[in-house]
PDB file of N, CA and C in Angstrom:
ATOM      1  N   UNK A   1     119.336  80.428  55.102  1.00  0.00           N
ATOM      2  CA  UNK A   1     119.362  79.999  53.713  1.00  0.00           C
ATOM      3  C   UNK A   1     118.045  80.422  53.059  1.00  0.00           C
ATOM      4  N   UNK A   2     118.150  81.014  51.905  1.00  0.00           N
ATOM      5  CA  UNK A   2     116.967  81.467  51.165  1.00  0.00           C
ATOM      6  C   UNK A   2     116.588  80.410  50.121  1.00  0.00           C
ATOM      7  N   UNK A   3     115.306  80.344  49.849  1.00  0.00           N
ATOM      8  CA  UNK A   3     114.797  79.350  48.912  1.00  0.00           C
ATOM      9  C   UNK A   3     114.003  80.017  47.799  1.00  0.00           C
ATOM     10  N   UNK A   4     113.884  79.295  46.707  1.00  0.00           N
ATOM     11  CA  UNK A   4     113.056  79.709  45.582  1.00  0.00           C
ATOM     12  C   UNK A   4     112.232  78.492  45.177  1.00  0.00           C
ATOM     13  N   UNK A   5     110.943  78.719  44.974  1.00  0.00           N
ATOM     14  CA  UNK A   5     110.060  77.621  44.590  1.00  0.00           C
ATOM     15  C   UNK A   5     109.798  77.679  43.089  1.00  0.00           C
ATOM     16  N   UNK A   6     110.037  76.568  42.420  1.00  0.00           N
ATOM     17  CA  UNK A   6     109.804  76.444  40.978  1.00  0.00           C
ATOM     18  C   UNK A   6     108.964  75.196  40.771  1.00  0.00           C
ATOM     19  N   UNK A   7     107.811  75.368  40.157  1.00  0.00           N
ATOM     20  CA  UNK A   7     106.891  74.252  39.902  1.00  0.00           C
ATOM     21  C   UNK A   7     106.615  73.431  41.168  1.00  0.00           C
ATOM     22  N   UNK A   8     106.452  74.129  42.286  1.00  0.00           N
ATOM     23  CA  UNK A   8     106.113  73.474  43.539  1.00  0.00           C
ATOM     24  C   UNK A   8     107.275  72.849  44.286  1.00  0.00           C
ATOM     25  N   UNK A   9     108.467  72.887  43.715  1.00  0.00           N
ATOM     26  CA  UNK A   9     109.667  72.311  44.345  1.00  0.00           C
ATOM     27  C   UNK A   9     110.525  73.440  44.914  1.00  0.00           C
ATOM     28  N   UNK A  10     111.043  73.227  46.112  1.00  0.00           N
ATOM     29  CA  UNK A  10     111.874  74.237  46.758  1.00  0.00           C
ATOM     30  C   UNK A  10     113.348  73.991  46.420  1.00  0.00           C
ATOM     31  N   UNK A  11     114.020  75.074  45.973  1.00  0.00           N
ATOM     32  CA  UNK A  11     115.439  75.009  45.608  1.00  0.00           C
ATOM     33  C   UNK A  11     116.204  76.080  46.363  1.00  0.00           C
ATOM     34  N   UNK A  12     117.519  75.912  46.448  1.00  0.00           N
ATOM     35  CA  UNK A  12     118.358  76.904  47.111  1.00  0.00           C
ATOM     36  C   UNK A  12     118.580  78.088  46.177  1.00  0.00           C
ATOM     37  N   UNK A  13     118.175  79.234  46.631  1.00  0.00           N
ATOM     38  CA  UNK A  13     118.229  80.454  45.825  1.00  0.00           C
ATOM     39  C   UNK A  13     119.660  80.828  45.429  1.00  0.00           C
ATOM     40  N   UNK A  14     120.597  80.696  46.347  1.00  0.00           N
ATOM     41  CA  UNK A  14     121.987  81.084  46.075  1.00  0.00           C
ATOM     42  C   UNK A  14     122.582  80.296  44.899  1.00  0.00           C
ATOM     43  N   UNK A  15     122.330  78.991  44.869  1.00  0.00           N
ATOM     44  CA  UNK A  15     122.851  78.172  43.765  1.00  0.00           C
ATOM     45  C   UNK A  15     122.199  78.547  42.440  1.00  0.00           C
ATOM     46  N   UNK A  16     120.892  78.777  42.459  1.00  0.00           N
ATOM     47  CA  UNK A  16     120.198  79.176  41.238  1.00  0.00           C
ATOM     48  C   UNK A  16     120.712  80.512  40.716  1.00  0.00           C
ATOM     49  N   UNK A  17     120.895  81.470  41.627  1.00  0.00           N
ATOM     50  CA  UNK A  17     121.395  82.783  41.217  1.00  0.00           C
ATOM     51  C   UNK A  17     122.808  82.683  40.650  1.00  0.00           C
ATOM     52  N   UNK A  18     123.614  81.826  41.211  1.00  0.00           N
ATOM     53  CA  UNK A  18     124.976  81.630  40.717  1.00  0.00           C
ATOM     54  C   UNK A  18     124.943  81.063  39.298  1.00  0.00           C
ATOM     55  N   UNK A  19     124.125  80.079  39.067  1.00  0.00           N
ATOM     56  CA  UNK A  19     123.997  79.491  37.728  1.00  0.00           C
ATOM     57  C   UNK A  19     123.472  80.531  36.736  1.00  0.00           C
ATOM     58  N   UNK A  20     122.496  81.308  37.150  1.00  0.00           N
ATOM     59  CA  UNK A  20     121.936  82.342  36.267  1.00  0.00           C
ATOM     60  C   UNK A  20     122.977  83.414  35.944  1.00  0.00           C
ATOM     61  N   UNK A  21     123.733  83.802  36.958  1.00  0.00           N
ATOM     62  CA  UNK A  21     124.766  84.830  36.755  1.00  0.00           C
ATOM     63  C   UNK A  21     125.777  84.380  35.705  1.00  0.00           C
ATOM     64  N   UNK A  22     126.135  83.119  35.744  1.00  0.00           N
ATOM     65  CA  UNK A  22     127.152  82.602  34.827  1.00  0.00           C
ATOM     66  C   UNK A  22     126.620  82.328  33.418  1.00  0.00           C
ATOM     67  N   UNK A  23     125.309  82.335  33.248  1.00  0.00           N
ATOM     68  CA  UNK A  23     124.764  82.008  31.924  1.00  0.00           C
ATOM     69  C   UNK A  23     124.032  83.169  31.269  1.00  0.00           C
ATOM     70  N   UNK A  24     124.049  84.331  31.887  1.00  0.00           N
ATOM     71  CA  UNK A  24     123.406  85.500  31.289  1.00  0.00           C
ATOM     72  C   UNK A  24     124.438  86.599  31.081  1.00  0.00           C
ATOM     73  N   UNK A  25     124.094  87.525  30.232  1.00  0.00           N
ATOM     74  CA  UNK A  25     125.001  88.641  29.970  1.00  0.00           C
ATOM     75  C   UNK A  25     126.089  88.261  28.991  1.00  0.00           C
ATOM     76  N   UNK A  26     127.290  88.739  29.247  1.00  0.00           N
ATOM     77  CA  UNK A  26     128.416  88.511  28.361  1.00  0.00           C
ATOM     78  C   UNK A  26     128.871  87.056  28.425  1.00  0.00           C
ATOM     79  N   UNK A  27     129.156  86.478  27.283  1.00  0.00           N
ATOM     80  CA  UNK A  27     129.623  85.097  27.259  1.00  0.00           C
ATOM     81  C   UNK A  27     128.755  84.229  26.371  1.00  0.00           C
ATOM     82  N   UNK A  28     129.008  82.920  26.435  1.00  0.00           N
ATOM     83  CA  UNK A  28     128.350  81.988  25.524  1.00  0.00           C
ATOM     84  C   UNK A  28     127.044  81.416  26.077  1.00  0.00           C
ATOM     85  N   UNK A  29     126.702  81.727  27.322  1.00  0.00           N
ATOM     86  CA  UNK A  29     125.466  81.226  27.894  1.00  0.00           C
ATOM     87  C   UNK A  29     125.542  79.808  28.409  1.00  0.00           C
ATOM     88  N   UNK A  30     126.754  79.287  28.555  1.00  0.00           N
ATOM     89  CA  UNK A  30     126.950  77.934  29.062  1.00  0.00           C
ATOM     90  C   UNK A  30     127.800  77.978  30.320  1.00  0.00           C
ATOM     91  N   UNK A  31     127.563  77.030  31.208  1.00  0.00           N
ATOM     92  CA  UNK A  31     128.397  76.918  32.395  1.00  0.00           C
ATOM     93  C   UNK A  31     129.720  76.254  32.010  1.00  0.00           C
ATOM     94  N   UNK A  32     130.818  76.807  32.508  1.00  0.00           N
ATOM     95  CA  UNK A  32     132.155  76.278  32.224  1.00  0.00           C
ATOM     96  C   UNK A  32     132.624  75.399  33.379  1.00  0.00           C
ATOM     97  N   UNK A  33     133.775  74.778  33.202  1.00  0.00           N
ATOM     98  CA  UNK A  33     134.355  73.929  34.247  1.00  0.00           C
ATOM     99  C   UNK A  33     134.576  74.713  35.534  1.00  0.00           C
ATOM    100  N   UNK A  34     135.130  75.919  35.439  1.00  0.00           N
ATOM    101  CA  UNK A  34     135.376  76.739  36.626  1.00  0.00           C
ATOM    102  C   UNK A  34     134.067  77.109  37.318  1.00  0.00           C
ATOM    103  N   UNK A  35     133.045  77.378  36.534  1.00  0.00           N
ATOM    104  CA  UNK A  35     131.754  77.751  37.106  1.00  0.00           C
ATOM    105  C   UNK A  35     131.083  76.555  37.778  1.00  0.00           C
ATOM    106  N   UNK A  36     131.249  75.379  37.217  1.00  0.00           N
ATOM    107  CA  UNK A  36     130.740  74.157  37.847  1.00  0.00           C
ATOM    108  C   UNK A  36     131.451  73.944  39.184  1.00  0.00           C
ATOM    109  N   UNK A  37     132.755  74.142  39.203  1.00  0.00           N
ATOM    110  CA  UNK A  37     133.509  74.001  40.452  1.00  0.00           C
ATOM    111  C   UNK A  37     132.991  74.984  41.498  1.00  0.00           C
ATOM    112  N   UNK A  38     132.655  76.192  41.068  1.00  0.00           N
ATOM    113  CA  UNK A  38     132.124  77.203  41.978  1.00  0.00           C
ATOM    114  C   UNK A  38     130.753  76.782  42.530  1.00  0.00           C
ATOM    115  N   UNK A  39     129.920  76.187  41.687  1.00  0.00           N
ATOM    116  CA  UNK A  39     128.613  75.702  42.143  1.00  0.00           C
ATOM    117  C   UNK A  39     128.770  74.648  43.237  1.00  0.00           C
ATOM    118  N   UNK A  40     129.658  73.695  43.023  1.00  0.00           N
ATOM    119  CA  UNK A  40     129.830  72.628  44.006  1.00  0.00           C
ATOM    120  C   UNK A  40     130.510  73.139  45.267  1.00  0.00           C
ATOM    121  N   UNK A  41     131.388  74.100  45.136  1.00  0.00           N
ATOM    122  CA  UNK A  41     132.012  74.702  46.320  1.00  0.00           C
ATOM    123  C   UNK A  41     130.935  75.374  47.165  1.00  0.00           C
ATOM    124  N   UNK A  42     130.021  76.064  46.526  1.00  0.00           N
ATOM    125  CA  UNK A  42     128.929  76.719  47.235  1.00  0.00           C
ATOM    126  C   UNK A  42     128.011  75.693  47.903  1.00  0.00           C
ATOM    127  N   UNK A  43     127.701  74.623  47.207  1.00  0.00           N
ATOM    128  CA  UNK A  43     126.813  73.601  47.748  1.00  0.00           C
ATOM    129  C   UNK A  43     127.450  72.873  48.933  1.00  0.00           C
ATOM    130  N   UNK A  44     128.761  72.744  48.911  1.00  0.00           N
ATOM    131  CA  UNK A  44     129.470  72.001  49.950  1.00  0.00           C
ATOM    132  C   UNK A  44     129.991  72.900  51.060  1.00  0.00           C
ATOM    133  N   UNK A  45     129.425  74.101  51.194  1.00  0.00           N
ATOM    134  CA  UNK A  45     129.926  75.085  52.147  1.00  0.00           C
ATOM    135  C   UNK A  45     129.603  74.767  53.606  1.00  0.00           C
ATOM    136  N   UNK A  46     128.678  73.893  53.860  1.00  0.00           N
ATOM    137  CA  UNK A  46     128.304  73.554  55.238  1.00  0.00           C
ATOM    138  C   UNK A  46     128.892  72.218  55.648  1.00  0.00           C
ATOM    139  N   UNK A  47     128.108  71.482  56.400  1.00  0.00           N
ATOM    140  CA  UNK A  47     128.557  70.176  56.887  1.00  0.00           C
ATOM    141  C   UNK A  47     128.344  69.075  55.868  1.00  0.00           C
ATOM    142  N   UNK A  48     127.936  69.438  54.709  1.00  0.00           N
ATOM    143  CA  UNK A  48     127.650  68.476  53.655  1.00  0.00           C
ATOM    144  C   UNK A  48     126.580  69.069  52.756  1.00  0.00           C
ATOM    145  N   UNK A  49     126.247  68.354  51.736  1.00  0.00           N
ATOM    146  CA  UNK A  49     125.248  68.828  50.784  1.00  0.00           C
ATOM    147  C   UNK A  49     123.869  68.398  51.284  1.00  0.00           C
ATOM    148  N   UNK A  50     122.984  69.368  51.459  1.00  0.00           N
ATOM    149  CA  UNK A  50     121.634  69.072  51.940  1.00  0.00           C
ATOM    150  C   UNK A  50     120.787  68.503  50.805  1.00  0.00           C
ATOM    151  N   UNK A  51     119.645  67.954  51.156  1.00  0.00           N
ATOM    152  CA  UNK A  51     118.723  67.439  50.143  1.00  0.00           C
ATOM    153  C   UNK A  51     118.272  68.547  49.199  1.00  0.00           C
ATOM    154  N   UNK A  52     118.067  69.748  49.740  1.00  0.00           N
ATOM    155  CA  UNK A  52     117.647  70.879  48.909  1.00  0.00           C
ATOM    156  C   UNK A  52     118.764  71.277  47.952  1.00  0.00           C
ATOM    157  N   UNK A  53     119.992  71.292  48.427  1.00  0.00           N
ATOM    158  CA  UNK A  53     121.122  71.618  47.552  1.00  0.00           C
ATOM    159  C   UNK A  53     121.276  70.559  46.465  1.00  0.00           C
ATOM    160  N   UNK A  54     121.105  69.302  46.823  1.00  0.00           N
ATOM    161  CA  UNK A  54     121.203  68.210  45.847  1.00  0.00           C
ATOM    162  C   UNK A  54     120.110  68.362  44.787  1.00  0.00           C
ATOM    163  N   UNK A  55     118.891  68.659  45.218  1.00  0.00           N
ATOM    164  CA  UNK A  55     117.780  68.861  44.285  1.00  0.00           C
ATOM    165  C   UNK A  55     118.041  70.069  43.387  1.00  0.00           C
ATOM    166  N   UNK A  56     118.627  71.106  43.951  1.00  0.00           N
ATOM    167  CA  UNK A  56     118.936  72.314  43.175  1.00  0.00           C
ATOM    168  C   UNK A  56     119.988  72.018  42.123  1.00  0.00           C
ATOM    169  N   UNK A  57     121.008  71.288  42.499  1.00  0.00           N
ATOM    170  CA  UNK A  57     122.045  70.915  41.529  1.00  0.00           C
ATOM    171  C   UNK A  57     121.453  70.067  40.406  1.00  0.00           C
ATOM    172  N   UNK A  58     120.575  69.141  40.748  1.00  0.00           N
ATOM    173  CA  UNK A  58     119.926  68.312  39.717  1.00  0.00           C
ATOM    174  C   UNK A  58     119.090  69.180  38.786  1.00  0.00           C
ATOM    175  N   UNK A  59     118.403  70.157  39.343  1.00  0.00           N
ATOM    176  CA  UNK A  59     117.601  71.083  38.532  1.00  0.00           C
ATOM    177  C   UNK A  59     118.500  71.894  37.600  1.00  0.00           C
ATOM    178  N   UNK A  60     119.617  72.374  38.125  1.00  0.00           N
ATOM    179  CA  UNK A  60     120.569  73.151  37.313  1.00  0.00           C
ATOM    180  C   UNK A  60     121.094  72.286  36.168  1.00  0.00           C
ATOM    181  N   UNK A  61     121.383  71.034  36.459  1.00  0.00           N
ATOM    182  CA  UNK A  61     121.934  70.144  35.414  1.00  0.00           C
ATOM    183  C   UNK A  61     120.957  69.959  34.263  1.00  0.00           C
ATOM    184  N   UNK A  62     119.674  69.838  34.573  1.00  0.00           N
ATOM    185  CA  UNK A  62     118.707  69.613  33.493  1.00  0.00           C
ATOM    186  C   UNK A  62     118.205  70.898  32.852  1.00  0.00           C
ATOM    187  N   UNK A  63     118.400  72.044  33.522  1.00  0.00           N
ATOM    188  CA  UNK A  63     117.795  73.288  33.045  1.00  0.00           C
ATOM    189  C   UNK A  63     118.762  74.283  32.425  1.00  0.00           C
ATOM    190  N   UNK A  64     120.058  74.079  32.609  1.00  0.00           N
ATOM    191  CA  UNK A  64     121.056  75.014  32.104  1.00  0.00           C
ATOM    192  C   UNK A  64     121.955  74.331  31.086  1.00  0.00           C
ATOM    193  N   UNK A  65     122.565  75.133  30.237  1.00  0.00           N
ATOM    194  CA  UNK A  65     123.502  74.629  29.234  1.00  0.00           C
ATOM    195  C   UNK A  65     124.903  74.571  29.831  1.00  0.00           C
ATOM    196  N   UNK A  66     125.656  73.554  29.428  1.00  0.00           N
ATOM    197  CA  UNK A  66     127.019  73.345  29.908  1.00  0.00           C
ATOM    198  C   UNK A  66     127.947  73.135  28.717  1.00  0.00           C
ATOM    199  N   UNK A  67     129.209  73.523  28.864  1.00  0.00           N
ATOM    200  CA  UNK A  67     130.187  73.096  27.873  1.00  0.00           C
ATOM    201  C   UNK A  67     130.335  71.586  28.055  1.00  0.00           C
ATOM    202  N   UNK A  68     130.869  70.922  27.070  1.00  0.00           N
ATOM    203  CA  UNK A  68     131.023  69.465  27.156  1.00  0.00           C
ATOM    204  C   UNK A  68     131.886  69.055  28.349  1.00  0.00           C
ATOM    205  N   UNK A  69     133.001  69.745  28.535  1.00  0.00           N
ATOM    206  CA  UNK A  69     133.908  69.430  29.644  1.00  0.00           C
ATOM    207  C   UNK A  69     133.245  69.730  30.987  1.00  0.00           C
ATOM    208  N   UNK A  70     132.500  70.818  31.056  1.00  0.00           N
ATOM    209  CA  UNK A  70     131.819  71.182  32.301  1.00  0.00           C
ATOM    210  C   UNK A  70     130.742  70.161  32.652  1.00  0.00           C
ATOM    211  N   UNK A  71     130.038  69.661  31.642  1.00  0.00           N
ATOM    212  CA  UNK A  71     129.006  68.651  31.879  1.00  0.00           C
ATOM    213  C   UNK A  71     129.625  67.390  32.477  1.00  0.00           C
ATOM    214  N   UNK A  72     130.770  66.989  31.961  1.00  0.00           N
ATOM    215  CA  UNK A  72     131.456  65.805  32.483  1.00  0.00           C
ATOM    216  C   UNK A  72     131.903  66.032  33.928  1.00  0.00           C
ATOM    217  N   UNK A  73     132.454  67.214  34.212  1.00  0.00           N
ATOM    218  CA  UNK A  73     132.871  67.547  35.579  1.00  0.00           C
ATOM    219  C   UNK A  73     131.675  67.561  36.520  1.00  0.00           C
ATOM    220  N   UNK A  74     130.563  68.161  36.059  1.00  0.00           N
ATOM    221  CA  UNK A  74     129.363  68.242  36.881  1.00  0.00           C
ATOM    222  C   UNK A  74     128.887  66.828  37.240  1.00  0.00           C
ATOM    223  N   UNK A  75     128.769  65.967  36.237  1.00  0.00           N
ATOM    224  CA  UNK A  75     128.267  64.616  36.465  1.00  0.00           C
ATOM    225  C   UNK A  75     129.160  63.846  37.435  1.00  0.00           C
ATOM    226  N   UNK A  76     130.464  64.002  37.300  1.00  0.00           N
ATOM    227  CA  UNK A  76     131.396  63.316  38.195  1.00  0.00           C
ATOM    228  C   UNK A  76     131.269  63.852  39.625  1.00  0.00           C
ATOM    229  N   UNK A  77     131.176  65.164  39.779  1.00  0.00           N
ATOM    230  CA  UNK A  77     131.058  65.769  41.097  1.00  0.00           C
ATOM    231  C   UNK A  77     129.717  65.406  41.742  1.00  0.00           C
ATOM    232  N   UNK A  78     128.662  65.383  40.950  1.00  0.00           N
ATOM    233  CA  UNK A  78     127.338  65.055  41.474  1.00  0.00           C
ATOM    234  C   UNK A  78     127.295  63.605  41.959  1.00  0.00           C
ATOM    235  N   UNK A  79     127.962  62.729  41.261  1.00  0.00           N
ATOM    236  CA  UNK A  79     128.002  61.321  41.654  1.00  0.00           C
ATOM    237  C   UNK A  79     128.710  61.116  42.997  1.00  0.00           C
ATOM    238  N   UNK A  80     129.605  62.042  43.349  1.00  0.00           N
ATOM    239  CA  UNK A  80     130.364  61.928  44.601  1.00  0.00           C
ATOM    240  C   UNK A  80     129.600  62.444  45.810  1.00  0.00           C
ATOM    241  N   UNK A  81     128.527  63.193  45.596  1.00  0.00           N
ATOM    242  CA  UNK A  81     127.822  63.764  46.759  1.00  0.00           C
ATOM    243  C   UNK A  81     126.633  62.913  47.175  1.00  0.00           C
TER     244      UNK A  81
END
């Protein structure tokens, strides 16, 4: 697993790159419901969500833009992990 350090905190690089990919280039610059589902699928790919993955998801939630529906899905999914 690769990591990226931002402001002294270590995050999972794969999740950050996925969020960046979905919010740059063509499109509205917001994460959609399908993209949120993809983020959580990636985070839950092992035996569970690690502390680093949880911290990365929290960072993504506060640092990226979401559609209203995607934000609701994200919050519900995050509460379950």
